[in-house]
Protein backbone atom coordinates (compact mmCIF):
# COMPACT_ATOMS: atom_id res chain seq x y z
CA UNK A 1 37.88 22.30 -33.54
CA UNK A 2 37.72 22.71 -29.79
CA UNK A 3 40.03 24.87 -27.73
CA UNK A 4 41.78 23.27 -24.79
CA UNK A 5 42.34 25.53 -21.78
CA UNK A 6 44.66 24.55 -18.96
CA UNK A 7 43.40 25.50 -15.50
CA UNK A 8 45.39 25.37 -12.28
CA UNK A 9 43.37 25.01 -9.08
CA UNK A 10 44.35 26.64 -5.78
CA UNK A 11 45.77 23.33 -4.52
CA UNK A 12 48.02 23.04 -7.60
CA UNK A 13 45.92 20.44 -9.45
CA UNK A 14 45.92 20.90 -13.21
CA UNK A 15 42.71 20.50 -15.20
CA UNK A 16 41.84 21.06 -18.81
CA UNK A 17 38.62 22.68 -19.92
CA UNK A 18 37.06 21.75 -23.24
CA UNK A 19 33.78 23.35 -24.28
CA UNK A 20 32.99 24.22 -20.64
CA UNK A 21 33.67 20.72 -19.28
CA UNK A 22 36.63 19.93 -17.04
CA UNK A 23 38.92 16.92 -17.22
CA UNK A 24 41.66 15.76 -14.83
CA UNK A 25 44.90 14.16 -15.91
CA UNK A 26 44.84 10.39 -15.89
CA UNK A 27 48.56 10.18 -16.53
CA UNK A 28 48.34 7.45 -19.15
CA UNK A 29 50.07 8.17 -22.44
CA UNK A 30 47.82 7.11 -25.22
CA UNK A 31 47.68 7.55 -29.00
CA UNK A 32 50.29 10.31 -29.10
CA UNK A 33 49.07 12.32 -26.12
CA UNK A 34 48.04 12.35 -22.47
CA UNK A 35 44.67 10.96 -21.40
CA UNK A 36 42.39 13.30 -19.41
CA UNK A 37 39.23 11.87 -17.77
CA UNK A 38 36.01 13.76 -17.11
CA UNK A 39 35.94 15.39 -13.68
CA UNK A 40 32.65 13.59 -13.03
CA UNK A 41 34.23 10.14 -13.42
CA UNK A 42 33.38 9.38 -9.78
CA UNK A 43 29.71 9.72 -10.78
CA UNK A 44 30.14 7.28 -13.62
CA UNK A 45 30.97 9.56 -16.54
CA UNK A 46 33.13 7.74 -19.08
CA UNK A 47 34.12 10.76 -21.19
CA UNK A 48 37.81 11.35 -21.82
CA UNK A 49 40.14 13.37 -24.04
CA UNK A 50 43.59 12.54 -25.36
CA UNK A 51 45.50 15.80 -25.80
CA UNK A 52 48.94 16.12 -27.41
CA UNK A 53 51.72 18.60 -26.53
CA UNK A 54 50.26 21.20 -28.91
CA UNK A 55 46.94 21.09 -27.01
CA UNK A 56 45.23 19.36 -29.91
CA UNK A 57 42.64 16.67 -29.22
CA UNK A 58 43.81 13.48 -30.89
CA UNK A 59 41.14 11.15 -29.49
CA UNK A 60 37.98 11.46 -27.44
CA UNK A 61 34.98 9.68 -26.04
CA UNK A 62 32.44 12.28 -25.15
CA UNK A 63 29.05 10.66 -24.73
CA UNK A 64 27.51 9.95 -21.35
CA UNK A 65 23.77 9.73 -20.89
CA UNK A 66 22.38 9.90 -17.39
CA UNK A 67 20.45 6.83 -16.31
CA UNK A 68 19.87 7.93 -12.75
CA UNK A 69 21.39 8.93 -9.48
CA UNK A 70 21.54 11.66 -6.88
CA UNK A 71 23.04 14.97 -8.03
CA UNK A 72 23.82 18.30 -6.37
CA UNK A 73 22.52 21.41 -8.09
CA UNK A 74 22.62 25.07 -7.03
CA UNK A 75 24.68 24.69 -3.91
CA UNK A 76 23.40 22.15 -1.41
CA UNK A 77 20.14 21.28 -3.18
CA UNK A 78 19.95 17.64 -4.26
CA UNK A 79 17.84 15.95 -6.91
CA UNK A 80 17.20 12.29 -7.61
CA UNK A 81 16.89 11.27 -11.24
CA UNK A 82 15.13 7.99 -11.85
CA UNK A 83 13.79 6.88 -15.25
CA UNK A 84 14.11 10.49 -16.54
CA UNK A 85 11.86 11.82 -13.77
CA UNK A 86 13.28 14.35 -11.33
CA UNK A 87 12.60 14.20 -7.59
CA UNK A 88 13.49 16.74 -4.90
CA UNK A 89 14.67 15.78 -1.43
CA UNK A 90 12.39 16.00 1.60
CA UNK A 91 14.04 14.71 4.78
CA UNK A 92 11.75 12.32 6.70
CA UNK A 93 13.97 11.05 9.49
CA UNK A 94 17.56 10.13 10.23
CA UNK A 95 17.43 6.91 8.18
CA UNK A 96 14.70 7.66 5.62
CA UNK A 97 14.68 10.28 2.90
CA UNK A 98 11.53 11.07 0.97
CA UNK A 99 11.91 12.21 -2.61
CA UNK A 100 8.87 13.90 -4.17
CA UNK A 101 8.35 14.51 -7.84
CA UNK A 102 9.66 17.88 -9.03
CA UNK A 103 6.23 18.59 -10.52
CA UNK A 104 4.22 19.92 -7.56
CA UNK A 105 0.93 18.54 -8.95
CA UNK A 106 2.28 15.00 -9.28
CA UNK A 107 1.68 12.43 -6.50
CA UNK A 108 4.78 10.33 -7.28
CA UNK A 109 7.37 9.79 -4.55
CA UNK A 110 10.23 7.53 -3.53
CA UNK A 111 11.22 6.58 0.02
CA UNK A 112 14.88 5.76 0.36
CA UNK A 113 16.50 3.96 3.27
CA UNK A 114 19.75 5.80 3.96
CA UNK A 115 20.99 3.69 6.87
CA UNK A 116 24.72 2.97 6.78
CA UNK A 117 25.09 5.28 3.75
CA UNK A 118 23.39 2.74 1.50
CA UNK A 119 20.71 4.39 -0.57
CA UNK A 120 18.08 1.70 -1.09
CA UNK A 121 14.57 2.33 -2.31
CA UNK A 122 12.24 1.04 0.38
CA UNK A 123 8.94 2.24 -1.11
CA UNK A 124 7.89 3.99 -4.29
CA UNK A 125 4.78 5.33 -5.93
CA UNK A 126 5.79 6.24 -9.45
CA UNK A 127 2.51 6.76 -11.28
CA UNK A 128 3.28 10.18 -12.73
CA UNK A 129 0.54 12.33 -14.23
CA UNK A 130 2.89 14.05 -16.69
CA UNK A 131 5.65 13.34 -19.22
CA UNK A 132 9.26 12.72 -18.19
CA UNK A 133 11.63 15.54 -17.33
CA UNK A 134 14.19 14.46 -19.95
CA UNK A 135 14.78 17.97 -21.32
CA UNK A 136 15.26 19.36 -17.79
CA UNK A 137 17.78 16.61 -17.07
CA UNK A 138 19.69 17.33 -20.28
CA UNK A 139 19.81 21.08 -19.54
CA UNK A 140 20.60 21.02 -15.81
CA UNK A 141 22.91 18.07 -15.30
CA UNK A 142 26.20 18.95 -16.94
CA UNK A 143 27.82 15.63 -17.48
CA UNK A 144 25.69 14.73 -20.46
CA UNK A 145 28.65 15.81 -22.58
CA UNK A 146 28.18 16.56 -26.26
CA UNK A 147 31.31 17.52 -28.17
């Protein structure tokens, strides 16, 4: 069984931590407990826990595979994940961001139009000379939750 820790943030917000993953209170009473949603819900994670008064998990959905997106890792560094390949950010101009493949020997890149905060791919060369970075994605991006 998993242990449920209650964490209080500096601003007074209560979170629970299960197996190293944090969940915020949704407020909905469900199946004999309170529903807590994954803290990465804004990024599309659908994981949730239903925890009763005794801090026992009575229901859960804890599977979320990453399809793609832009993620922050190690401070301000950003990575783009697309089709299980990882790209690092190289700023081109004010409205265009170039993403190059994480593998330095690979010629693949993506140009993204960032005008008006809409990330649209304007050009891409995605002929990689290596296998996908699926294991790196699973190890580095934490909201692939497995409980």
